[in-house]
């Protein structure tokens, strides 16, 4: 049996199965409610039942008191519907609303997807959960030296592992460690989520994504999130690399194309049958007027800076509709 659940004040509604928790039902439909432990212990997901009835499930008594239950509160990570519901909860729609945590994690899997790109799959402890918005990044904390920042390449609904795309950079102590010393089951400490590079879902404008190199990672997360929530806005993804061999996960991009997302690969340093040159120049060449668009750009600072200058200057993109995350190399320390 399914029940209708409506979230106030957003007025978002979704169908939920009787055996699903309110939180799981909301996440399955792309609505992110505040949460953390997901086992009835932390109280972060606590919200109000305005109408309808629920099975409160198993939880720690200190996380939800009898007085709170009498006042209509429930833990949405444990509560299951017994009827149609109207609940009160703020939805997480911006990075500033997400709790930043410092957590340990295990390197579950390492996959070399290109000559100089390693994909790390990180597993959090069983009783921990990292709530984030697609496009944000985490810091890898080191005993010595500055933290190293990497974008999360997985969307929030696909959270079994945290996925990072690490490029092997000459002189980079951490990246050298990843490629030459790191082993599966190693333990890392992370802090996050961080950053404001995320999809502005309240807009109806067409979207252009621009990525250089492993700037692909947060764009991947955002596109997969957009597909998951059924976003119908036109989307065009431009990905620039130095040589053809630098492209990776192309099978994933083929899946995106089946959802109507355009893909334009651009190679800068070798001759091939496709587009060549600077990735942002391909956008300039393809679009005469971007006054009604949003652009999300990620990658090397020089690429992001050039894209911003040319698209806002030559193609009339509104400055406030350019969103970016520039990857800055942290020198050896």
Protein backbone atom coordinates (compact mmCIF):
# COMPACT_ATOMS: atom_id res chain seq x y z
CA UNK A 1 0.00 0.00 0.00
CA UNK A 2 1.23 3.50 -0.79
CA UNK A 3 0.42 6.80 0.85
CA UNK A 4 0.74 10.40 -0.25
CA UNK A 5 3.17 12.52 1.76
CA UNK A 6 3.29 16.31 1.44
CA UNK A 7 6.19 18.38 2.77
CA UNK A 8 5.51 21.87 4.09
CA UNK A 9 6.45 24.64 3.55
CA UNK A 10 7.74 23.55 0.10
CA UNK A 11 4.45 21.78 -0.73
CA UNK A 12 6.38 18.98 -2.46
CA UNK A 13 4.45 15.70 -2.58
CA UNK A 14 5.46 12.11 -3.20
CA UNK A 15 4.09 8.61 -2.92
CA UNK A 16 5.59 6.44 -0.19
CA UNK A 17 5.24 2.72 0.49
CA UNK A 18 4.04 1.61 3.89
CA UNK A 19 7.29 -0.25 4.54
CA UNK A 20 9.45 2.79 3.67
CA UNK A 21 10.57 5.39 6.15
CA UNK A 22 9.56 8.96 5.45
CA UNK A 23 13.21 9.87 4.89
CA UNK A 24 13.84 7.03 2.44
CA UNK A 25 10.68 7.92 0.53
CA UNK A 26 11.67 11.57 0.29
CA UNK A 27 15.22 10.77 -0.84
CA UNK A 28 13.93 8.31 -3.43
CA UNK A 29 11.94 11.16 -5.00
CA UNK A 30 14.82 13.64 -4.91
CA UNK A 31 13.74 15.60 -1.82
CA UNK A 32 16.56 15.89 0.71
CA UNK A 33 15.38 16.24 4.30
CA UNK A 34 17.89 17.00 7.08
CA UNK A 35 19.41 13.76 8.38
CA UNK A 36 22.61 12.20 9.60
CA UNK A 37 22.81 8.82 11.38
CA UNK A 38 19.71 7.26 9.77
CA UNK A 39 19.27 4.90 12.76
CA UNK A 40 17.20 6.93 15.21
CA UNK A 41 20.07 8.15 17.36
CA UNK A 42 21.05 11.70 16.42
CA UNK A 43 17.72 13.52 16.08
CA UNK A 44 18.80 15.56 13.05
CA UNK A 45 15.87 14.28 10.97
CA UNK A 46 13.26 15.24 13.58
CA UNK A 47 10.20 16.90 12.07
CA UNK A 48 6.52 17.45 12.70
CA UNK A 49 3.57 15.31 11.63
CA UNK A 50 0.88 17.90 10.82
CA UNK A 51 -1.72 15.34 9.78
CA UNK A 52 -1.92 11.57 9.47
CA UNK A 53 -0.44 8.80 11.59
CA UNK A 54 2.87 6.95 11.60
CA UNK A 55 4.61 3.93 13.04
CA UNK A 56 7.46 5.58 14.98
CA UNK A 57 9.78 2.58 14.57
CA UNK A 58 12.79 1.77 16.75
CA UNK A 59 14.87 4.68 18.01
CA UNK A 60 16.88 5.91 20.96
CA UNK A 61 14.67 7.44 23.64
CA UNK A 62 16.87 10.49 24.07
CA UNK A 63 16.51 11.32 20.37
CA UNK A 64 12.70 11.56 20.61
CA UNK A 65 11.00 12.04 23.98
CA UNK A 66 7.40 11.21 24.79
CA UNK A 67 6.71 14.92 25.18
CA UNK A 68 8.00 15.51 21.67
CA UNK A 69 5.84 12.71 20.28
CA UNK A 70 2.82 14.25 22.01
CA UNK A 71 3.70 17.54 20.33
CA UNK A 72 3.58 15.79 16.96
CA UNK A 73 7.28 15.24 16.33
CA UNK A 74 8.81 12.12 14.78
CA UNK A 75 12.17 10.90 13.54
CA UNK A 76 11.76 10.72 9.79
CA UNK A 77 14.61 8.21 9.42
CA UNK A 78 12.56 5.67 11.44
CA UNK A 79 8.90 6.69 11.08
CA UNK A 80 6.77 4.86 8.51
CA UNK A 81 3.36 6.02 7.24
CA UNK A 82 0.08 4.44 8.33
CA UNK A 83 -1.97 6.94 6.30
CA UNK A 84 -1.54 9.92 3.99
CA UNK A 85 0.72 12.46 5.68
CA UNK A 86 1.44 16.16 5.82
CA UNK A 87 4.80 16.82 7.45
CA UNK A 88 6.77 19.93 8.31
CA UNK A 89 10.47 19.94 7.47
CA UNK A 90 12.96 22.22 5.80
CA UNK A 91 14.48 20.71 2.66
CA UNK A 92 18.20 20.86 2.02
CA UNK A 93 18.56 22.76 -1.24
CA UNK A 94 21.79 24.68 -0.72
CA UNK A 95 25.24 23.75 0.49
CA UNK A 96 24.99 26.16 3.43
CA UNK A 97 22.20 24.07 4.95
CA UNK A 98 24.28 20.90 5.16
CA UNK A 99 26.20 19.99 8.30
CA UNK A 100 29.98 19.85 7.84
CA UNK A 101 31.53 16.79 9.50
CA UNK A 102 34.95 15.30 10.08
CA UNK A 103 34.81 11.55 9.54
CA UNK A 104 37.03 8.53 8.99
CA UNK A 105 36.55 6.47 5.84
CA UNK A 106 38.04 3.38 4.24
CA UNK A 107 39.40 3.13 0.72
CA UNK A 108 37.01 0.49 -0.57
CA UNK A 109 38.19 0.37 -4.19
CA UNK A 110 40.73 2.04 -6.47
CA UNK A 111 40.14 2.14 -10.22
CA UNK A 112 42.62 3.64 -12.68
CA UNK A 113 40.41 4.99 -15.46
CA UNK A 114 43.07 6.89 -17.43
CA UNK A 115 46.86 7.13 -17.44
CA UNK A 116 46.78 9.84 -14.79
CA UNK A 117 43.31 9.53 -13.22
CA UNK A 118 42.45 7.28 -10.29
CA UNK A 119 38.88 6.88 -9.05
CA UNK A 120 38.68 6.30 -5.32
CA UNK A 121 35.60 4.74 -3.74
CA UNK A 122 35.46 5.62 -0.05
CA UNK A 123 33.30 3.80 2.48
CA UNK A 124 32.09 5.54 5.63
CA UNK A 125 31.64 3.65 8.93
CA UNK A 126 28.34 1.79 9.21
CA UNK A 127 26.88 4.25 11.71
CA UNK A 128 27.89 7.37 9.82
CA UNK A 129 26.38 9.25 6.88
CA UNK A 130 27.55 12.28 4.93
CA UNK A 131 24.72 14.48 3.73
CA UNK A 132 25.71 16.61 0.75
CA UNK A 133 24.44 18.40 -2.31
CA UNK A 134 25.53 17.23 -5.77
CA UNK A 135 28.58 19.24 -6.87
CA UNK A 136 30.11 19.81 -3.43
CA UNK A 137 33.59 18.67 -2.39
CA UNK A 138 35.40 17.21 0.61
CA UNK A 139 38.82 17.81 2.12
CA UNK A 140 41.21 14.93 2.69
CA UNK A 141 42.89 15.70 6.02
CA UNK A 142 46.55 14.83 6.35
CA UNK A 143 48.75 14.50 9.42
CA UNK A 144 51.22 16.82 7.75
CA UNK A 145 50.55 19.47 5.15
CA UNK A 146 47.42 21.23 3.98
CA UNK A 147 44.12 19.46 3.32
CA UNK A 148 43.59 18.28 -0.27
CA UNK A 149 40.19 19.08 -1.79
CA UNK A 150 38.34 16.75 -4.16
CA UNK A 151 34.86 17.02 -5.61
CA UNK A 152 32.36 14.27 -4.91
CA UNK A 153 31.61 12.56 -8.23
CA UNK A 154 28.57 10.64 -7.00
CA UNK A 155 25.08 12.08 -6.60
CA UNK A 156 23.44 12.05 -3.13
CA UNK A 157 21.03 9.24 -4.04
CA UNK A 158 23.98 7.00 -4.99
CA UNK A 159 25.75 7.15 -1.65
CA UNK A 160 27.01 3.63 -0.98
CA UNK A 161 30.50 5.02 -1.63
CA UNK A 162 31.92 8.51 -1.88
CA UNK A 163 33.57 8.74 -5.30
CA UNK A 164 36.61 10.93 -5.94
CA UNK A 165 38.50 11.47 -9.22
CA UNK A 166 42.19 12.07 -8.47
CA UNK A 167 44.59 13.32 -11.15
CA UNK A 168 48.27 12.46 -10.75
CA UNK A 169 49.97 15.85 -10.66
CA UNK A 170 53.74 16.22 -10.84
CA UNK A 171 55.02 17.36 -7.48
CA UNK A 172 51.77 16.58 -5.68
CA UNK A 173 52.51 14.71 -2.47
CA UNK A 174 49.00 13.39 -1.97
CA UNK A 175 48.42 12.41 -5.59
CA UNK A 176 51.79 10.67 -5.66
CA UNK A 177 50.71 8.77 -2.55
CA UNK A 178 47.44 7.76 -4.24
CA UNK A 179 49.15 6.39 -7.35
CA UNK A 180 52.20 4.79 -5.76
CA UNK A 181 51.50 3.96 -2.13
CA UNK A 182 47.80 3.90 -1.32
CA UNK A 183 46.14 0.51 -0.95
CA UNK A 184 42.57 -0.66 -0.65
CA UNK A 185 41.37 -0.70 2.99
CA UNK A 186 43.60 2.26 3.90
CA UNK A 187 41.93 4.69 6.30
CA UNK A 188 41.52 8.39 5.49
CA UNK A 189 40.04 11.31 7.40
CA UNK A 190 37.72 13.64 5.53
CA UNK A 191 35.93 16.89 6.22
CA UNK A 192 32.87 18.02 4.37
CA UNK A 193 30.78 18.64 2.49
CA UNK A 194 32.08 22.01 1.38
CA UNK A 195 31.45 24.44 -1.47
CA UNK A 196 28.56 26.13 -3.23
CA UNK A 197 28.90 24.52 -6.65
CA UNK A 198 25.51 22.89 -6.96
CA UNK A 199 22.46 22.92 -9.19
CA UNK A 200 20.05 25.83 -8.77
CA UNK A 201 16.87 23.79 -9.05
CA UNK A 202 14.51 26.76 -8.79
CA UNK A 203 15.49 28.00 -12.26
CA UNK A 204 13.89 26.91 -15.54
CA UNK A 205 16.75 28.07 -17.77
CA UNK A 206 18.66 25.70 -20.08
CA UNK A 207 22.02 24.61 -18.68
CA UNK A 208 25.50 24.42 -20.18
CA UNK A 209 28.13 22.44 -18.28
CA UNK A 210 31.82 23.06 -18.97
CA UNK A 211 34.48 20.77 -17.51
CA UNK A 212 38.20 20.48 -18.04
CA UNK A 213 40.02 17.31 -17.00
CA UNK A 214 38.77 15.94 -13.67
CA UNK A 215 36.43 18.91 -13.44
CA UNK A 216 34.22 16.19 -14.88
CA UNK A 217 33.69 14.84 -11.33
CA UNK A 218 31.24 17.40 -9.84
CA UNK A 219 29.52 17.86 -13.21
CA UNK A 220 28.93 14.10 -13.24
CA UNK A 221 27.32 14.33 -9.79
CA UNK A 222 25.07 17.22 -10.80
CA UNK A 223 23.96 15.64 -14.08
CA UNK A 224 23.18 12.31 -12.41
CA UNK A 225 21.19 14.15 -9.74
CA UNK A 226 19.31 16.12 -12.41
CA UNK A 227 18.40 12.91 -14.24
CA UNK A 228 17.37 11.24 -10.99
CA UNK A 229 14.94 14.01 -10.02
CA UNK A 230 13.53 14.12 -13.55
CA UNK A 231 14.76 17.61 -14.42
CA UNK A 232 13.45 18.51 -17.88
CA UNK A 233 15.58 21.57 -18.61
CA UNK A 234 17.76 21.30 -21.75
CA UNK A 235 21.35 20.43 -20.83
CA UNK A 236 24.54 20.49 -22.90
CA UNK A 237 27.81 19.12 -21.50
CA UNK A 238 31.20 20.22 -22.89
CA UNK A 239 34.24 18.30 -21.66
CA UNK A 240 37.74 19.40 -22.58
CA UNK A 241 40.88 17.27 -22.24
CA UNK A 242 44.41 17.36 -23.69
CA UNK A 243 44.24 14.07 -25.61
CA UNK A 244 41.59 11.48 -26.45
CA UNK A 245 42.98 8.99 -23.93
CA UNK A 246 42.11 11.45 -21.16
CA UNK A 247 38.38 10.81 -21.58
CA UNK A 248 36.98 8.24 -19.16
CA UNK A 249 33.59 6.88 -18.04
CA UNK A 250 32.23 7.44 -21.54
CA UNK A 251 29.67 4.67 -21.02
CA UNK A 252 28.11 6.79 -18.30
CA UNK A 253 27.91 9.75 -20.65
CA UNK A 254 26.15 7.57 -23.25
CA UNK A 255 23.46 6.92 -20.63
CA UNK A 256 23.07 10.65 -20.12
CA UNK A 257 22.67 11.15 -23.87
CA UNK A 258 19.81 8.66 -23.82
CA UNK A 259 18.06 11.13 -21.48
CA UNK A 260 18.45 13.93 -24.01
CA UNK A 261 21.60 15.53 -22.65
CA UNK A 262 23.92 16.77 -25.39
CA UNK A 263 27.61 15.95 -25.13
CA UNK A 264 30.46 17.72 -26.90
CA UNK A 265 33.98 16.37 -26.25
CA UNK A 266 36.85 18.73 -27.01
CA UNK A 267 40.55 17.82 -27.35
CA UNK A 268 43.21 20.53 -27.13
CA UNK A 269 46.62 18.94 -27.74
CA UNK A 270 46.21 16.39 -30.51
CA UNK A 271 44.44 15.98 -33.83
CA UNK A 272 41.30 13.89 -33.88
CA UNK A 273 37.96 13.70 -35.68
CA UNK A 274 36.06 15.79 -33.14
CA UNK A 275 36.20 19.35 -31.80
CA UNK A 276 39.60 20.79 -30.95
CA UNK A 277 40.97 23.78 -29.08
CA UNK A 278 39.84 25.33 -25.81
CA UNK A 279 36.66 23.83 -24.36
CA UNK A 280 35.03 27.17 -23.56
CA UNK A 281 35.66 28.36 -27.14
CA UNK A 282 33.47 25.51 -28.38
CA UNK A 283 30.61 27.02 -26.35
CA UNK A 284 31.33 30.49 -27.77
CA UNK A 285 31.24 29.01 -31.28
CA UNK A 286 27.99 27.11 -30.70
CA UNK A 287 25.90 29.75 -28.91
CA UNK A 288 25.39 33.34 -30.09
CA UNK A 289 23.30 34.48 -27.14
CA UNK A 290 23.43 33.00 -23.61
CA UNK A 291 21.31 35.68 -21.95
CA UNK A 292 18.67 33.07 -21.11
CA UNK A 293 21.05 30.32 -19.89
CA UNK A 294 22.88 29.09 -16.82
CA UNK A 295 26.50 27.90 -17.06
CA UNK A 296 28.25 25.58 -14.60
CA UNK A 297 32.02 25.43 -15.12
CA UNK A 298 34.60 23.34 -13.30
CA UNK A 299 38.28 22.61 -13.81
CA UNK A 300 41.57 24.45 -14.05
CA UNK A 301 41.37 28.12 -12.96
CA UNK A 302 42.57 29.33 -16.37
CA UNK A 303 39.72 27.46 -18.06
CA UNK A 304 37.08 28.70 -15.63
CA UNK A 305 38.38 32.27 -15.85
CA UNK A 306 38.42 32.26 -19.65
CA UNK A 307 34.93 30.79 -19.80
CA UNK A 308 33.57 33.44 -17.46
CA UNK A 309 35.18 36.30 -19.35
CA UNK A 310 34.14 35.21 -22.83
CA UNK A 311 30.65 33.96 -22.04
CA UNK A 312 29.61 36.99 -20.00
CA UNK A 313 31.39 39.39 -22.35
CA UNK A 314 30.89 37.97 -25.83
CA UNK A 315 27.72 35.92 -25.36
CA UNK A 316 25.74 38.05 -22.86
CA UNK A 317 25.54 35.41 -20.13
CA UNK A 318 24.32 37.15 -16.95
CA UNK A 319 27.13 37.21 -14.40
CA UNK A 320 24.84 35.81 -11.70
CA UNK A 321 24.07 32.78 -13.89
CA UNK A 322 27.71 31.65 -14.08
CA UNK A 323 28.53 29.09 -11.37
CA UNK A 324 32.03 27.71 -11.00
CA UNK A 325 34.46 25.57 -9.06
CA UNK A 326 38.10 26.13 -10.00
CA UNK A 327 40.56 23.39 -9.11
CA UNK A 328 43.61 24.95 -7.52
CA UNK A 329 46.79 22.87 -7.27
CA UNK A 330 48.19 22.77 -3.75
CA UNK A 331 52.00 22.85 -4.01
CA UNK A 332 54.15 20.34 -2.19
CA UNK A 333 54.19 21.09 1.54
